[in-house]
C-alpha atoms as a PDB file:
ATOM      1  CA  MET A   1       0.000   0.000   0.000  1.00  0.00           C
ATOM      2  CA  GLN A   2       1.360   3.410  -0.958  1.00  0.00           C
ATOM      3  CA  ARG A   3       0.937   6.302   1.473  1.00  0.00           C
ATOM      4  CA  ILE A   4       0.701   9.519  -0.551  1.00  0.00           C
ATOM      5  CA  CYS A   5       0.870  13.091   0.713  1.00  0.00           C
ATOM      6  CA  PHE A   6       0.438  16.093  -1.590  1.00  0.00           C
ATOM      7  CA  THR A   7      -0.182  19.824  -1.300  1.00  0.00           C
ATOM      8  CA  LEU A   8      -2.262  22.311  -3.254  1.00  0.00           C
ATOM      9  CA  GLN A   9      -3.015  25.970  -2.594  1.00  0.00           C
ATOM     10  CA  VAL A  10      -6.604  27.118  -2.073  1.00  0.00           C
ATOM     11  CA  ARG A  11      -7.373  30.792  -2.655  1.00  0.00           C
ATOM     12  CA  LYS A  12      -7.636  32.468   0.754  1.00  0.00           C
ATOM     13  CA  GLU A  13     -10.809  34.332  -0.148  1.00  0.00           C
ATOM     14  CA  LEU A  14     -12.523  31.001  -0.937  1.00  0.00           C
ATOM     15  CA  LEU A  15     -11.532  28.957   2.129  1.00  0.00           C
ATOM     16  CA  GLU A  16     -14.957  28.936   3.777  1.00  0.00           C
ATOM     17  CA  GLU A  17     -16.747  27.946   0.577  1.00  0.00           C
ATOM     18  CA  TYR A  18     -14.148  25.239  -0.082  1.00  0.00           C
ATOM     19  CA  LYS A  19     -14.812  23.780   3.376  1.00  0.00           C
ATOM     20  CA  ARG A  20     -18.579  24.050   2.895  1.00  0.00           C
ATOM     21  CA  ARG A  21     -18.454  22.099  -0.359  1.00  0.00           C
ATOM     22  CA  HIS A  22     -16.510  19.317   1.316  1.00  0.00           C
ATOM     23  CA  GLU A  23     -19.129  18.944   4.040  1.00  0.00           C
ATOM     24  CA  ALA A  24     -21.367  17.293   1.440  1.00  0.00           C
ATOM     25  CA  VAL A  25     -19.249  15.635  -1.237  1.00  0.00           C
ATOM     26  CA  TRP A  26     -21.510  14.135  -3.886  1.00  0.00           C
ATOM     27  CA  PRO A  27     -22.276  10.464  -3.194  1.00  0.00           C
ATOM     28  CA  GLU A  28     -21.308   9.609  -6.796  1.00  0.00           C
ATOM     29  CA  MET A  29     -17.919  11.224  -6.237  1.00  0.00           C
ATOM     30  CA  LEU A  30     -17.376   9.247  -3.031  1.00  0.00           C
ATOM     31  CA  ASP A  31     -18.300   6.030  -4.870  1.00  0.00           C
ATOM     32  CA  ALA A  32     -15.889   6.903  -7.694  1.00  0.00           C
ATOM     33  CA  LEU A  33     -13.025   7.482  -5.242  1.00  0.00           C
ATOM     34  CA  ARG A  34     -13.677   4.182  -3.495  1.00  0.00           C
ATOM     35  CA  SER A  35     -13.939   2.214  -6.744  1.00  0.00           C
ATOM     36  CA  SER A  36     -10.658   3.787  -7.915  1.00  0.00           C
ATOM     37  CA  GLU A  37      -8.816   2.458  -4.833  1.00  0.00           C
ATOM     38  CA  TRP A  38      -8.642   5.713  -2.844  1.00  0.00           C
ATOM     39  CA  ARG A  39      -8.444   4.611   0.806  1.00  0.00           C
ATOM     40  CA  ASN A  40      -8.083   6.564   4.024  1.00  0.00           C
ATOM     41  CA  TYR A  41      -8.299   9.784   1.984  1.00  0.00           C
ATOM     42  CA  SER A  42      -8.088  12.985   4.033  1.00  0.00           C
ATOM     43  CA  LEU A  43      -7.748  16.681   3.297  1.00  0.00           C
ATOM     44  CA  PHE A  44      -6.369  19.215   5.772  1.00  0.00           C
ATOM     45  CA  LEU A  45      -6.686  22.964   5.190  1.00  0.00           C
ATOM     46  CA  ARG A  46      -4.549  25.599   6.858  1.00  0.00           C
ATOM     47  CA  GLU A  47      -5.806  29.180   7.341  1.00  0.00           C
ATOM     48  CA  ASP A  48      -3.382  30.482   4.696  1.00  0.00           C
ATOM     49  CA  GLY A  49      -4.913  28.135   2.107  1.00  0.00           C
ATOM     50  CA  LEU A  50      -2.331  25.362   2.198  1.00  0.00           C
ATOM     51  CA  LEU A  51      -4.212  22.150   1.455  1.00  0.00           C
ATOM     52  CA  ILE A  52      -2.544  18.914   2.519  1.00  0.00           C
ATOM     53  CA  GLY A  53      -3.934  15.690   1.127  1.00  0.00           C
ATOM     54  CA  TYR A  54      -3.239  12.160   2.292  1.00  0.00           C
ATOM     55  CA  VAL A  55      -4.364   8.937   0.644  1.00  0.00           C
ATOM     56  CA  GLU A  56      -3.483   5.263   0.831  1.00  0.00           C
ATOM     57  CA  THR A  57      -3.732   3.248  -2.367  1.00  0.00           C
ATOM     58  CA  PRO A  58      -2.096   0.210  -3.952  1.00  0.00           C
ATOM     59  CA  ASP A  59      -1.091   2.302  -6.993  1.00  0.00           C
ATOM     60  CA  PHE A  60      -1.279   6.114  -6.962  1.00  0.00           C
ATOM     61  CA  GLU A  61      -0.898   6.513 -10.722  1.00  0.00           C
ATOM     62  CA  GLY A  62      -3.603   3.887 -11.210  1.00  0.00           C
ATOM     63  CA  ALA A  63      -5.857   5.630  -8.697  1.00  0.00           C
ATOM     64  CA  LEU A  64      -5.436   8.924 -10.540  1.00  0.00           C
ATOM     65  CA  ALA A  65      -6.098   7.248 -13.882  1.00  0.00           C
ATOM     66  CA  GLY A  66      -9.169   5.529 -12.476  1.00  0.00           C
ATOM     67  CA  MET A  67     -10.633   8.850 -11.435  1.00  0.00           C
ATOM     68  CA  ALA A  68      -9.620  10.564 -14.682  1.00  0.00           C
ATOM     69  CA  ALA A  69     -11.741   8.019 -16.562  1.00  0.00           C
ATOM     70  CA  LYS A  70     -14.910   8.886 -14.613  1.00  0.00           C
ATOM     71  CA  GLU A  71     -17.361  11.534 -15.813  1.00  0.00           C
ATOM     72  CA  ILE A  72     -18.301  12.457 -12.232  1.00  0.00           C
ATOM     73  CA  ASN A  73     -14.681  13.408 -11.581  1.00  0.00           C
ATOM     74  CA  HIS A  74     -14.691  15.753 -14.574  1.00  0.00           C
ATOM     75  CA  LYS A  75     -17.845  17.419 -13.222  1.00  0.00           C
ATOM     76  CA  TRP A  76     -16.343  17.728  -9.732  1.00  0.00           C
ATOM     77  CA  GLN A  77     -13.060  19.138 -11.034  1.00  0.00           C
ATOM     78  CA  GLU A  78     -14.940  21.706 -13.137  1.00  0.00           C
ATOM     79  CA  TRP A  79     -17.058  22.682 -10.112  1.00  0.00           C
ATOM     80  CA  MET A  80     -13.946  23.114  -7.932  1.00  0.00           C
ATOM     81  CA  LYS A  81     -11.420  24.568 -10.404  1.00  0.00           C
ATOM     82  CA  ASP A  82     -11.676  28.196  -9.301  1.00  0.00           C
ATOM     83  CA  PHE A  83     -10.686  27.379  -5.717  1.00  0.00           C
ATOM     84  CA  PHE A  84      -7.047  26.663  -6.525  1.00  0.00           C
ATOM     85  CA  GLU A  85      -4.133  28.964  -7.168  1.00  0.00           C
ATOM     86  CA  SER A  86      -2.386  27.752 -10.284  1.00  0.00           C
ATOM     87  CA  ASP A  87      -0.770  29.154 -13.381  1.00  0.00           C
ATOM     88  CA  SER A  88      -0.705  25.766 -15.089  1.00  0.00           C
ATOM     89  CA  GLY A  89      -4.348  25.592 -16.141  1.00  0.00           C
ATOM     90  CA  LEU A  90      -4.454  22.012 -14.834  1.00  0.00           C
ATOM     91  CA  ALA A  91      -7.295  20.673 -12.719  1.00  0.00           C
ATOM     92  CA  ALA A  92      -6.485  20.081  -9.054  1.00  0.00           C
ATOM     93  CA  ASP A  93      -6.238  16.312  -9.505  1.00  0.00           C
ATOM     94  CA  GLU A  94      -3.739  16.851 -12.329  1.00  0.00           C
ATOM     95  CA  GLN A  95      -1.542  18.969 -10.033  1.00  0.00           C
ATOM     96  CA  MET A  96      -1.141  16.347  -7.310  1.00  0.00           C
ATOM     97  CA  ARG A  97       2.541  15.502  -6.917  1.00  0.00           C
ATOM     98  CA  PRO A  98       3.497  13.091  -4.122  1.00  0.00           C
ATOM     99  CA  ILE A  99       5.787  14.432  -1.432  1.00  0.00           C
ATOM    100  CA  PRO A 100       8.497  11.872  -0.644  1.00  0.00           C
ATOM    101  CA  GLU A 101       8.023  10.093   2.685  1.00  0.00           C
ATOM    102  CA  VAL A 102      11.068  10.247   4.934  1.00  0.00           C
ATOM    103  CA  PHE A 103       9.744   8.479   8.048  1.00  0.00           C
ATOM    104  CA  HIS A 104       6.931   6.160   9.036  1.00  0.00           C
ATOM    105  CA  LEU A 105       6.603   4.734  12.554  1.00  0.00           C
ATOM    106  CA  ASP A 106       5.366   1.307  11.508  1.00  0.00           C
END
């Protein structure tokens, strides 16, 4: 099982709305994440907009590809695109770059 951590930057002026939208993630989106092998997925949001994501999955690239193939993911990414600071024009899920793990207790 791979343990993946990544960061993104949420626009400070949109923090409260970002949190509100994650209080009720669409059931179809939750099903898509589960069926694409996203396990123990968590998001943490700092007051300056730093978003830290953590997920466990057998294959991160496969998990990303699994979501990329789902129409519900395209709808979600479109709905959320304006929340992120980025000059790349990429959707948030296309910007996820794993941060190398340097220690794990177990």
